[in-house]
C-alpha atoms as a PDB file:
ATOM      1  CA  MET A   1      53.995 123.755  68.611  1.00  0.00           C
ATOM      2  CA  THR A   2      51.396 123.440  71.598  1.00  0.00           C
ATOM      3  CA  ASN A   3      52.602 120.997  74.505  1.00  0.00           C
ATOM      4  CA  ARG A   4      48.794 120.909  75.438  1.00  0.00           C
ATOM      5  CA  ILE A   5      45.434 119.639  73.826  1.00  0.00           C
ATOM      6  CA  LEU A   6      41.937 120.202  74.502  1.00  0.00           C
ATOM      7  CA  SER A   7      40.225 116.683  74.607  1.00  0.00           C
ATOM      8  CA  CYS A   8      36.476 116.532  74.515  1.00  0.00           C
ATOM      9  CA  ASP A   9      34.241 113.486  74.961  1.00  0.00           C
ATOM     10  CA  TRP A  10      31.038 115.424  73.563  1.00  0.00           C
ATOM     11  CA  GLY A  11      28.204 113.023  74.342  1.00  0.00           C
ATOM     12  CA  THR A  12      24.305 112.558  73.662  1.00  0.00           C
ATOM     13  CA  SER A  13      23.842 114.642  77.511  1.00  0.00           C
ATOM     14  CA  ALA A  14      26.722 115.670  78.693  1.00  0.00           C
ATOM     15  CA  PHE A  15      30.057 117.439  77.295  1.00  0.00           C
ATOM     16  CA  ARG A  16      33.329 116.802  78.990  1.00  0.00           C
ATOM     17  CA  LEU A  17      35.919 119.096  78.127  1.00  0.00           C
ATOM     18  CA  ARG A  18      39.520 119.180  79.497  1.00  0.00           C
ATOM     19  CA  LEU A  19      42.777 121.220  78.758  1.00  0.00           C
ATOM     20  CA  VAL A  20      45.927 118.414  78.865  1.00  0.00           C
ATOM     21  CA  ASN A  21      49.388 118.748  78.973  1.00  0.00           C
ATOM     22  CA  ALA A  22      50.536 116.344  76.373  1.00  0.00           C
ATOM     23  CA  GLU A  23      53.751 115.944  78.111  1.00  0.00           C
ATOM     24  CA  ASN A  24      52.719 114.016  81.118  1.00  0.00           C
ATOM     25  CA  ALA A  25      48.951 113.511  81.358  1.00  0.00           C
ATOM     26  CA  LEU A  26      48.080 116.531  83.669  1.00  0.00           C
ATOM     27  CA  VAL A  27      44.724 118.071  83.286  1.00  0.00           C
ATOM     28  CA  LEU A  28      45.258 121.802  83.804  1.00  0.00           C
ATOM     29  CA  ASN A  29      41.773 122.653  83.532  1.00  0.00           C
ATOM     30  CA  GLU A  30      38.260 121.021  83.517  1.00  0.00           C
ATOM     31  CA  VAL A  31      34.491 121.698  81.849  1.00  0.00           C
ATOM     32  CA  LYS A  32      31.514 119.670  82.436  1.00  0.00           C
ATOM     33  CA  GLY A  33      28.351 120.563  81.514  1.00  0.00           C
ATOM     34  CA  GLN A  34      24.970 119.327  80.365  1.00  0.00           C
ATOM     35  CA  GLN A  35      25.195 120.968  76.434  1.00  0.00           C
ATOM     36  CA  GLY A  36      25.674 117.679  75.011  1.00  0.00           C
ATOM     37  CA  ILE A  37      25.009 116.405  71.514  1.00  0.00           C
ATOM     38  CA  ALA A  38      21.279 116.257  71.814  1.00  0.00           C
ATOM     39  CA  ALA A  39      20.504 119.602  73.115  1.00  0.00           C
ATOM     40  CA  VAL A  40      22.435 121.200  70.523  1.00  0.00           C
ATOM     41  CA  TYR A  41      20.824 119.215  67.833  1.00  0.00           C
ATOM     42  CA  ASN A  42      17.917 120.185  68.780  1.00  0.00           C
ATOM     43  CA  LYS A  43      18.705 124.181  68.541  1.00  0.00           C
ATOM     44  CA  TRP A  44      20.209 123.242  65.455  1.00  0.00           C
ATOM     45  CA  ILE A  45      16.985 121.806  64.145  1.00  0.00           C
ATOM     46  CA  GLU A  46      15.271 125.249  65.859  1.00  0.00           C
ATOM     47  CA  SER A  47      18.003 127.422  63.611  1.00  0.00           C
ATOM     48  CA  ASN A  48      16.515 126.508  60.222  1.00  0.00           C
ATOM     49  CA  GLN A  49      20.016 126.932  59.207  1.00  0.00           C
ATOM     50  CA  PRO A  50      20.841 125.220  56.063  1.00  0.00           C
ATOM     51  CA  GLU A  51      23.070 122.065  56.569  1.00  0.00           C
ATOM     52  CA  SER A  52      25.981 123.618  55.069  1.00  0.00           C
ATOM     53  CA  LYS A  53      26.161 125.802  57.990  1.00  0.00           C
ATOM     54  CA  ARG A  54      25.785 122.630  60.664  1.00  0.00           C
ATOM     55  CA  VAL A  55      29.410 122.795  61.123  1.00  0.00           C
ATOM     56  CA  ALA A  56      29.970 126.148  61.770  1.00  0.00           C
ATOM     57  CA  PHE A  57      26.800 126.383  64.122  1.00  0.00           C
ATOM     58  CA  TYR A  58      28.640 123.344  66.588  1.00  0.00           C
ATOM     59  CA  SER A  59      31.563 125.273  66.312  1.00  0.00           C
ATOM     60  CA  ASN A  60      30.517 128.547  67.528  1.00  0.00           C
ATOM     61  CA  ILE A  61      28.735 126.873  70.457  1.00  0.00           C
ATOM     62  CA  PHE A  62      32.123 125.401  71.418  1.00  0.00           C
ATOM     63  CA  GLN A  63      33.591 128.613  71.285  1.00  0.00           C
ATOM     64  CA  SER A  64      31.566 129.897  73.577  1.00  0.00           C
ATOM     65  CA  VAL A  65      32.435 126.956  76.217  1.00  0.00           C
ATOM     66  CA  LEU A  66      36.013 128.224  75.517  1.00  0.00           C
ATOM     67  CA  ASP A  67      35.327 131.651  75.738  1.00  0.00           C
ATOM     68  CA  GLY A  68      33.217 131.228  79.190  1.00  0.00           C
ATOM     69  CA  TYR A  69      35.344 128.868  81.105  1.00  0.00           C
ATOM     70  CA  PHE A  70      39.343 129.051  80.019  1.00  0.00           C
ATOM     71  CA  LYS A  71      41.017 132.053  81.250  1.00  0.00           C
ATOM     72  CA  GLU A  72      44.260 130.641  80.303  1.00  0.00           C
ATOM     73  CA  ASP A  73      45.880 131.413  76.773  1.00  0.00           C
ATOM     74  CA  ILE A  74      44.870 128.321  74.609  1.00  0.00           C
ATOM     75  CA  LYS A  75      45.157 129.706  71.037  1.00  0.00           C
ATOM     76  CA  ASP A  76      46.836 127.550  68.932  1.00  0.00           C
ATOM     77  CA  VAL A  77      45.794 124.544  71.171  1.00  0.00           C
ATOM     78  CA  PRO A  78      44.248 121.706  69.127  1.00  0.00           C
ATOM     79  CA  ILE A  79      40.695 120.476  70.383  1.00  0.00           C
ATOM     80  CA  ILE A  80      40.337 116.458  69.995  1.00  0.00           C
ATOM     81  CA  ILE A  81      36.471 115.713  69.790  1.00  0.00           C
ATOM     82  CA  SER A  82      35.392 112.015  70.670  1.00  0.00           C
ATOM     83  CA  GLY A  83      31.880 110.647  71.381  1.00  0.00           C
ATOM     84  CA  MET A  84      28.669 111.907  69.475  1.00  0.00           C
ATOM     85  CA  ALA A  85      29.885 114.964  67.791  1.00  0.00           C
ATOM     86  CA  SER A  86      30.516 112.477  64.911  1.00  0.00           C
ATOM     87  CA  SER A  87      27.573 110.920  64.887  1.00  0.00           C
ATOM     88  CA  THR A  88      24.223 111.605  62.563  1.00  0.00           C
ATOM     89  CA  ILE A  89      23.135 114.261  65.239  1.00  0.00           C
ATOM     90  CA  GLY A  90      26.811 115.490  65.917  1.00  0.00           C
ATOM     91  CA  MET A  91      28.450 118.407  64.015  1.00  0.00           C
ATOM     92  CA  LYS A  92      29.267 116.098  61.231  1.00  0.00           C
ATOM     93  CA  GLU A  93      28.597 112.561  60.534  1.00  0.00           C
ATOM     94  CA  LEU A  94      31.976 110.090  60.338  1.00  0.00           C
ATOM     95  CA  PRO A  95      31.544 106.662  59.161  1.00  0.00           C
ATOM     96  CA  TYR A  96      32.601 104.127  62.386  1.00  0.00           C
ATOM     97  CA  ALA A  97      35.905 102.609  61.921  1.00  0.00           C
ATOM     98  CA  LYS A  98      36.759  98.917  61.538  1.00  0.00           C
ATOM     99  CA  LEU A  99      37.451  96.921  64.654  1.00  0.00           C
ATOM    100  CA  PRO A 100      40.097  95.702  65.274  1.00  0.00           C
ATOM    101  CA  PHE A 101      42.308  99.048  65.459  1.00  0.00           C
ATOM    102  CA  GLU A 102      45.601  99.950  66.353  1.00  0.00           C
ATOM    103  CA  LEU A 103      46.225 101.676  69.793  1.00  0.00           C
ATOM    104  CA  SER A 104      47.999 104.032  67.849  1.00  0.00           C
ATOM    105  CA  GLY A 105      44.538 105.728  66.309  1.00  0.00           C
ATOM    106  CA  ASP A 106      46.047 105.410  62.945  1.00  0.00           C
ATOM    107  CA  ASN A 107      43.028 103.664  61.437  1.00  0.00           C
ATOM    108  CA  LEU A 108      40.532 105.734  63.430  1.00  0.00           C
ATOM    109  CA  ASN A 109      38.663 108.160  60.714  1.00  0.00           C
ATOM    110  CA  ILE A 110      39.370 111.526  61.540  1.00  0.00           C
ATOM    111  CA  GLU A 111      38.007 114.859  59.905  1.00  0.00           C
ATOM    112  CA  LYS A 112      39.916 118.309  60.313  1.00  0.00           C
ATOM    113  CA  PHE A 113      38.525 121.585  60.678  1.00  0.00           C
ATOM    114  CA  GLU A 114      40.906 124.454  60.536  1.00  0.00           C
ATOM    115  CA  ALA A 115      40.433 127.386  62.647  1.00  0.00           C
ATOM    116  CA  ASP A 116      37.863 129.896  61.796  1.00  0.00           C
ATOM    117  CA  ASN A 117      35.711 133.027  63.283  1.00  0.00           C
ATOM    118  CA  PHE A 118      33.585 130.235  64.185  1.00  0.00           C
ATOM    119  CA  CYS A 119      36.239 128.578  66.492  1.00  0.00           C
ATOM    120  CA  LYS A 120      39.852 129.885  66.957  1.00  0.00           C
ATOM    121  CA  ASN A 121      41.115 126.765  67.405  1.00  0.00           C
ATOM    122  CA  ASP A 122      41.743 123.646  64.856  1.00  0.00           C
ATOM    123  CA  ILE A 123      39.497 120.380  65.603  1.00  0.00           C
ATOM    124  CA  LEU A 124      39.982 116.906  64.708  1.00  0.00           C
ATOM    125  CA  LEU A 125      36.926 115.310  64.872  1.00  0.00           C
ATOM    126  CA  ILE A 126      37.359 111.306  65.958  1.00  0.00           C
ATOM    127  CA  SER A 127      34.866 108.401  64.387  1.00  0.00           C
ATOM    128  CA  GLY A 128      33.675 105.571  66.363  1.00  0.00           C
ATOM    129  CA  LEU A 129      34.397 102.224  66.067  1.00  0.00           C
ATOM    130  CA  GLN A 130      32.225  99.205  64.934  1.00  0.00           C
ATOM    131  CA  THR A 131      32.338  95.334  64.767  1.00  0.00           C
ATOM    132  CA  ASN A 132      29.378  93.283  63.151  1.00  0.00           C
ATOM    133  CA  VAL A 133      27.592  93.371  66.237  1.00  0.00           C
ATOM    134  CA  ASP A 134      28.633  96.317  67.979  1.00  0.00           C
ATOM    135  CA  VAL A 135      29.248 100.345  68.213  1.00  0.00           C
ATOM    136  CA  ILE A 136      31.862 102.030  70.754  1.00  0.00           C
ATOM    137  CA  ARG A 137      32.107 106.228  69.994  1.00  0.00           C
ATOM    138  CA  GLY A 138      34.263 108.084  72.575  1.00  0.00           C
ATOM    139  CA  GLU A 139      35.682 105.331  74.725  1.00  0.00           C
ATOM    140  CA  GLU A 140      38.148 103.848  72.163  1.00  0.00           C
ATOM    141  CA  THR A 141      39.880 107.306  72.845  1.00  0.00           C
ATOM    142  CA  LEU A 142      40.391 106.207  76.268  1.00  0.00           C
ATOM    143  CA  LEU A 143      42.018 103.074  74.935  1.00  0.00           C
ATOM    144  CA  LEU A 144      44.490 105.155  73.186  1.00  0.00           C
ATOM    145  CA  GLY A 145      46.060 106.439  76.086  1.00  0.00           C
ATOM    146  CA  CYS A 146      46.540 103.420  77.852  1.00  0.00           C
ATOM    147  CA  ASP A 147      50.050 101.817  77.716  1.00  0.00           C
ATOM    148  CA  ILE A 148      49.175  98.253  77.241  1.00  0.00           C
ATOM    149  CA  ASN A 149      52.169  95.823  76.399  1.00  0.00           C
ATOM    150  CA  ASP A 150      50.397  92.745  77.037  1.00  0.00           C
ATOM    151  CA  ASP A 151      46.840  90.906  76.325  1.00  0.00           C
ATOM    152  CA  ALA A 152      44.494  92.817  77.986  1.00  0.00           C
ATOM    153  CA  LEU A 153      40.426  93.055  78.794  1.00  0.00           C
ATOM    154  CA  VAL A 154      39.830  97.027  79.069  1.00  0.00           C
ATOM    155  CA  ILE A 155      36.258  98.179  80.586  1.00  0.00           C
ATOM    156  CA  PHE A 156      34.638 101.451  80.250  1.00  0.00           C
ATOM    157  CA  PRO A 157      31.883 101.524  82.786  1.00  0.00           C
ATOM    158  CA  GLY A 158      29.469 103.847  82.511  1.00  0.00           C
ATOM    159  CA  THR A 159      25.776 104.479  81.046  1.00  0.00           C
ATOM    160  CA  HIS A 160      26.527 102.540  77.994  1.00  0.00           C
ATOM    161  CA  SER A 161      29.295  99.922  79.467  1.00  0.00           C
ATOM    162  CA  LYS A 162      31.908  98.496  77.227  1.00  0.00           C
ATOM    163  CA  HIS A 163      34.585  96.281  76.738  1.00  0.00           C
ATOM    164  CA  VAL A 164      37.687  96.009  74.396  1.00  0.00           C
ATOM    165  CA  ILE A 165      39.766  92.901  74.053  1.00  0.00           C
ATOM    166  CA  VAL A 166      43.355  94.025  73.486  1.00  0.00           C
ATOM    167  CA  LYS A 167      45.812  91.394  71.577  1.00  0.00           C
ATOM    168  CA  ASP A 168      49.442  92.171  70.384  1.00  0.00           C
ATOM    169  CA  LYS A 169      48.715  96.137  70.668  1.00  0.00           C
ATOM    170  CA  GLU A 170      45.419  96.075  68.583  1.00  0.00           C
ATOM    171  CA  GLY A 171      41.559  96.676  70.408  1.00  0.00           C
END
């Protein structure tokens, strides 16, 4: 079992991937690029491949990033992908999980893709979360890394800023 993970926030317009030491959260390597889900989706549409090949198409693009940027041995390092990769334009649409959610992440919707010829690493694709009036997709994984022992208001600044109220260790 590896003590590292590949953590990916694959957003609409950006791709952020970090090799992380899971024991101390130290970032060992990082890639940021403009190959967001929207650009990959457009390539997917242009490819005219059947829907049954969609996951393989996205996985192959992911593998090309790994091959191009990571010189260290990342065999058997699992990839955890959040963000738009689980949306209608992503590698596979996953239903939103409902808020509140446990900070352990136990009630998120997750799909596992085993390593294959298209991507040499196992992939865990994580869904977003929803209330009756709003959604978050990607930001919830930032919250999972927080050590919150009291009630808190957590603000995620960015293009689409979000906030989460944590009460009794639930977001």
